[in-house]
């Protein structure tokens, strides 16, 4: 654009940077919160690994699968909420995502049942 051209008011509005609301930054988690979530996920992973040592826990297969599915759900939701920032997303988008994941979980459980994994 040359110096002689004038900037129209519509163009001036588009050229100005968008100011962030103060509450957006207050919702963003701190580094320590991410570290706490990572430690929690590491503990859940350790519990998952522990389920492979049958000589220690003596659980039957159905109990092991139930524990692993609960841990799988917890880990998924923590990763989606914190690291994919779903926790800070709009409620509509969060609910759409959660409904889809709930349906996927039901399909997964139906498939496990069809393979007779619980017996």
C-alpha atoms as a PDB file:
ATOM      1  CA  UNK A   1       0.000   0.000   0.000  1.00  0.00           C
ATOM      2  CA  UNK A   2       1.446   3.374  -0.874  1.00  0.00           C
ATOM      3  CA  UNK A   3       1.631   6.345   1.454  1.00  0.00           C
ATOM      4  CA  UNK A   4      -1.008   8.242  -0.498  1.00  0.00           C
ATOM      5  CA  UNK A   5      -3.678   5.582  -0.114  1.00  0.00           C
ATOM      6  CA  UNK A   6      -6.033   6.024   2.779  1.00  0.00           C
ATOM      7  CA  UNK A   7      -7.023   3.236   5.105  1.00  0.00           C
ATOM      8  CA  UNK A   8     -10.744   2.764   5.252  1.00  0.00           C
ATOM      9  CA  UNK A   9     -12.363   2.277   8.680  1.00  0.00           C
ATOM     10  CA  UNK A  10     -13.277  -1.339   7.804  1.00  0.00           C
ATOM     11  CA  UNK A  11      -9.637  -2.082   6.992  1.00  0.00           C
ATOM     12  CA  UNK A  12      -8.426  -0.412  10.179  1.00  0.00           C
ATOM     13  CA  UNK A  13     -10.646  -2.692  12.275  1.00  0.00           C
ATOM     14  CA  UNK A  14      -9.255  -5.756  10.521  1.00  0.00           C
ATOM     15  CA  UNK A  15      -5.650  -4.593  10.943  1.00  0.00           C
ATOM     16  CA  UNK A  16      -5.888  -4.124  14.710  1.00  0.00           C
ATOM     17  CA  UNK A  17      -4.784  -7.114  16.781  1.00  0.00           C
ATOM     18  CA  UNK A  18      -7.491  -8.928  18.654  1.00  0.00           C
ATOM     19  CA  UNK A  19      -7.230  -8.342  22.382  1.00  0.00           C
ATOM     20  CA  UNK A  20      -7.560 -11.424  24.568  1.00  0.00           C
ATOM     21  CA  UNK A  21      -9.978 -11.355  27.414  1.00  0.00           C
ATOM     22  CA  UNK A  22      -8.388 -11.408  30.869  1.00  0.00           C
ATOM     23  CA  UNK A  23     -10.396 -14.467  31.921  1.00  0.00           C
ATOM     24  CA  UNK A  24      -8.971 -16.559  29.041  1.00  0.00           C
ATOM     25  CA  UNK A  25      -5.494 -16.394  30.521  1.00  0.00           C
ATOM     26  CA  UNK A  26      -6.699 -17.077  34.034  1.00  0.00           C
ATOM     27  CA  UNK A  27      -8.199 -20.383  32.866  1.00  0.00           C
ATOM     28  CA  UNK A  28      -4.977 -21.634  31.284  1.00  0.00           C
ATOM     29  CA  UNK A  29      -3.300 -24.163  33.590  1.00  0.00           C
ATOM     30  CA  UNK A  30       0.132 -23.592  35.052  1.00  0.00           C
ATOM     31  CA  UNK A  31       3.144 -25.785  34.385  1.00  0.00           C
ATOM     32  CA  UNK A  32       2.770 -27.344  37.839  1.00  0.00           C
ATOM     33  CA  UNK A  33      -0.791 -28.441  37.018  1.00  0.00           C
ATOM     34  CA  UNK A  34       0.494 -30.177  33.872  1.00  0.00           C
ATOM     35  CA  UNK A  35       3.192 -31.877  35.939  1.00  0.00           C
ATOM     36  CA  UNK A  36       0.612 -33.111  38.474  1.00  0.00           C
ATOM     37  CA  UNK A  37      -1.527 -34.529  35.645  1.00  0.00           C
ATOM     38  CA  UNK A  38       1.549 -36.208  34.129  1.00  0.00           C
ATOM     39  CA  UNK A  39       2.412 -37.777  37.508  1.00  0.00           C
ATOM     40  CA  UNK A  40      -1.170 -39.027  37.873  1.00  0.00           C
ATOM     41  CA  UNK A  41      -1.014 -40.537  34.367  1.00  0.00           C
ATOM     42  CA  UNK A  42       2.316 -42.193  35.225  1.00  0.00           C
ATOM     43  CA  UNK A  43       0.761 -43.772  38.329  1.00  0.00           C
ATOM     44  CA  UNK A  44      -2.139 -45.092  36.236  1.00  0.00           C
ATOM     45  CA  UNK A  45       0.347 -46.509  33.723  1.00  0.00           C
ATOM     46  CA  UNK A  46       2.231 -48.226  36.563  1.00  0.00           C
ATOM     47  CA  UNK A  47      -1.034 -49.827  37.698  1.00  0.00           C
ATOM     48  CA  UNK A  48      -1.646 -51.011  34.130  1.00  0.00           C
ATOM     49  CA  UNK A  49       1.802 -52.585  33.983  1.00  0.00           C
ATOM     50  CA  UNK A  50       1.187 -54.188  37.373  1.00  0.00           C
ATOM     51  CA  UNK A  51      -1.820 -56.073  35.955  1.00  0.00           C
ATOM     52  CA  UNK A  52       0.548 -58.100  33.758  1.00  0.00           C
ATOM     53  CA  UNK A  53       2.215 -59.741  36.770  1.00  0.00           C
ATOM     54  CA  UNK A  54      -0.263 -62.519  37.517  1.00  0.00           C
ATOM     55  CA  UNK A  55       1.946 -64.030  40.208  1.00  0.00           C
ATOM     56  CA  UNK A  56       1.413 -60.906  42.336  1.00  0.00           C
ATOM     57  CA  UNK A  57      -2.303 -60.093  42.123  1.00  0.00           C
ATOM     58  CA  UNK A  58      -4.092 -63.395  41.292  1.00  0.00           C
ATOM     59  CA  UNK A  59      -7.064 -61.672  39.628  1.00  0.00           C
ATOM     60  CA  UNK A  60      -9.224 -63.454  37.081  1.00  0.00           C
ATOM     61  CA  UNK A  61      -9.382 -62.205  33.487  1.00  0.00           C
ATOM     62  CA  UNK A  62     -12.709 -60.403  33.869  1.00  0.00           C
ATOM     63  CA  UNK A  63     -11.406 -58.403  36.828  1.00  0.00           C
ATOM     64  CA  UNK A  64      -8.210 -57.524  34.970  1.00  0.00           C
ATOM     65  CA  UNK A  65     -10.187 -56.359  31.925  1.00  0.00           C
ATOM     66  CA  UNK A  66     -12.513 -54.307  34.122  1.00  0.00           C
ATOM     67  CA  UNK A  67      -9.555 -52.615  35.852  1.00  0.00           C
ATOM     68  CA  UNK A  68      -7.825 -51.962  32.520  1.00  0.00           C
ATOM     69  CA  UNK A  69     -10.968 -50.472  30.973  1.00  0.00           C
ATOM     70  CA  UNK A  70     -11.493 -48.130  33.935  1.00  0.00           C
ATOM     71  CA  UNK A  71      -7.850 -47.028  33.748  1.00  0.00           C
ATOM     72  CA  UNK A  72      -8.147 -46.623  29.958  1.00  0.00           C
ATOM     73  CA  UNK A  73     -11.164 -44.336  30.385  1.00  0.00           C
ATOM     74  CA  UNK A  74      -9.471 -42.275  33.113  1.00  0.00           C
ATOM     75  CA  UNK A  75      -6.287 -41.834  31.105  1.00  0.00           C
ATOM     76  CA  UNK A  76      -8.162 -40.914  27.945  1.00  0.00           C
ATOM     77  CA  UNK A  77     -10.268 -38.267  29.641  1.00  0.00           C
ATOM     78  CA  UNK A  78      -7.313 -36.753  31.486  1.00  0.00           C
ATOM     79  CA  UNK A  79      -5.290 -36.511  28.273  1.00  0.00           C
ATOM     80  CA  UNK A  80      -8.253 -35.094  26.338  1.00  0.00           C
ATOM     81  CA  UNK A  81      -9.164 -32.623  29.078  1.00  0.00           C
ATOM     82  CA  UNK A  82      -5.700 -31.299  29.882  1.00  0.00           C
ATOM     83  CA  UNK A  83      -3.399 -31.865  26.930  1.00  0.00           C
ATOM     84  CA  UNK A  84      -6.017 -31.401  24.200  1.00  0.00           C
ATOM     85  CA  UNK A  85      -7.500 -28.496  26.232  1.00  0.00           C
ATOM     86  CA  UNK A  86     -11.003 -29.989  26.130  1.00  0.00           C
ATOM     87  CA  UNK A  87     -11.491 -28.836  29.706  1.00  0.00           C
ATOM     88  CA  UNK A  88     -11.236 -25.234  28.539  1.00  0.00           C
ATOM     89  CA  UNK A  89     -13.346 -25.636  25.391  1.00  0.00           C
ATOM     90  CA  UNK A  90     -16.923 -24.474  24.993  1.00  0.00           C
ATOM     91  CA  UNK A  91     -19.542 -26.702  26.669  1.00  0.00           C
ATOM     92  CA  UNK A  92     -21.224 -27.489  23.330  1.00  0.00           C
ATOM     93  CA  UNK A  93     -18.028 -28.805  21.752  1.00  0.00           C
ATOM     94  CA  UNK A  94     -17.116 -30.689  24.924  1.00  0.00           C
ATOM     95  CA  UNK A  95     -20.535 -32.395  25.040  1.00  0.00           C
ATOM     96  CA  UNK A  96     -20.387 -33.368  21.355  1.00  0.00           C
ATOM     97  CA  UNK A  97     -16.938 -34.874  21.906  1.00  0.00           C
ATOM     98  CA  UNK A  98     -18.012 -36.728  25.052  1.00  0.00           C
ATOM     99  CA  UNK A  99     -21.126 -38.155  23.384  1.00  0.00           C
ATOM    100  CA  UNK A 100     -19.000 -39.494  20.533  1.00  0.00           C
ATOM    101  CA  UNK A 101     -16.521 -41.013  22.939  1.00  0.00           C
ATOM    102  CA  UNK A 102     -19.285 -42.555  25.017  1.00  0.00           C
ATOM    103  CA  UNK A 103     -20.686 -44.197  21.902  1.00  0.00           C
ATOM    104  CA  UNK A 104     -17.200 -45.429  20.926  1.00  0.00           C
ATOM    105  CA  UNK A 105     -16.785 -46.946  24.395  1.00  0.00           C
ATOM    106  CA  UNK A 106     -20.113 -48.783  24.082  1.00  0.00           C
ATOM    107  CA  UNK A 107     -19.058 -50.178  20.695  1.00  0.00           C
ATOM    108  CA  UNK A 108     -15.715 -51.256  22.181  1.00  0.00           C
ATOM    109  CA  UNK A 109     -17.430 -53.032  25.096  1.00  0.00           C
ATOM    110  CA  UNK A 110     -19.862 -54.723  22.689  1.00  0.00           C
ATOM    111  CA  UNK A 111     -16.939 -56.006  20.637  1.00  0.00           C
ATOM    112  CA  UNK A 112     -15.198 -57.334  23.756  1.00  0.00           C
ATOM    113  CA  UNK A 113     -18.426 -59.106  24.692  1.00  0.00           C
ATOM    114  CA  UNK A 114     -18.796 -60.595  21.216  1.00  0.00           C
ATOM    115  CA  UNK A 115     -15.291 -62.075  21.533  1.00  0.00           C
ATOM    116  CA  UNK A 116     -16.318 -63.562  24.914  1.00  0.00           C
ATOM    117  CA  UNK A 117     -13.464 -61.779  26.642  1.00  0.00           C
ATOM    118  CA  UNK A 118     -15.348 -61.600  29.951  1.00  0.00           C
ATOM    119  CA  UNK A 119     -15.653 -65.363  30.435  1.00  0.00           C
END
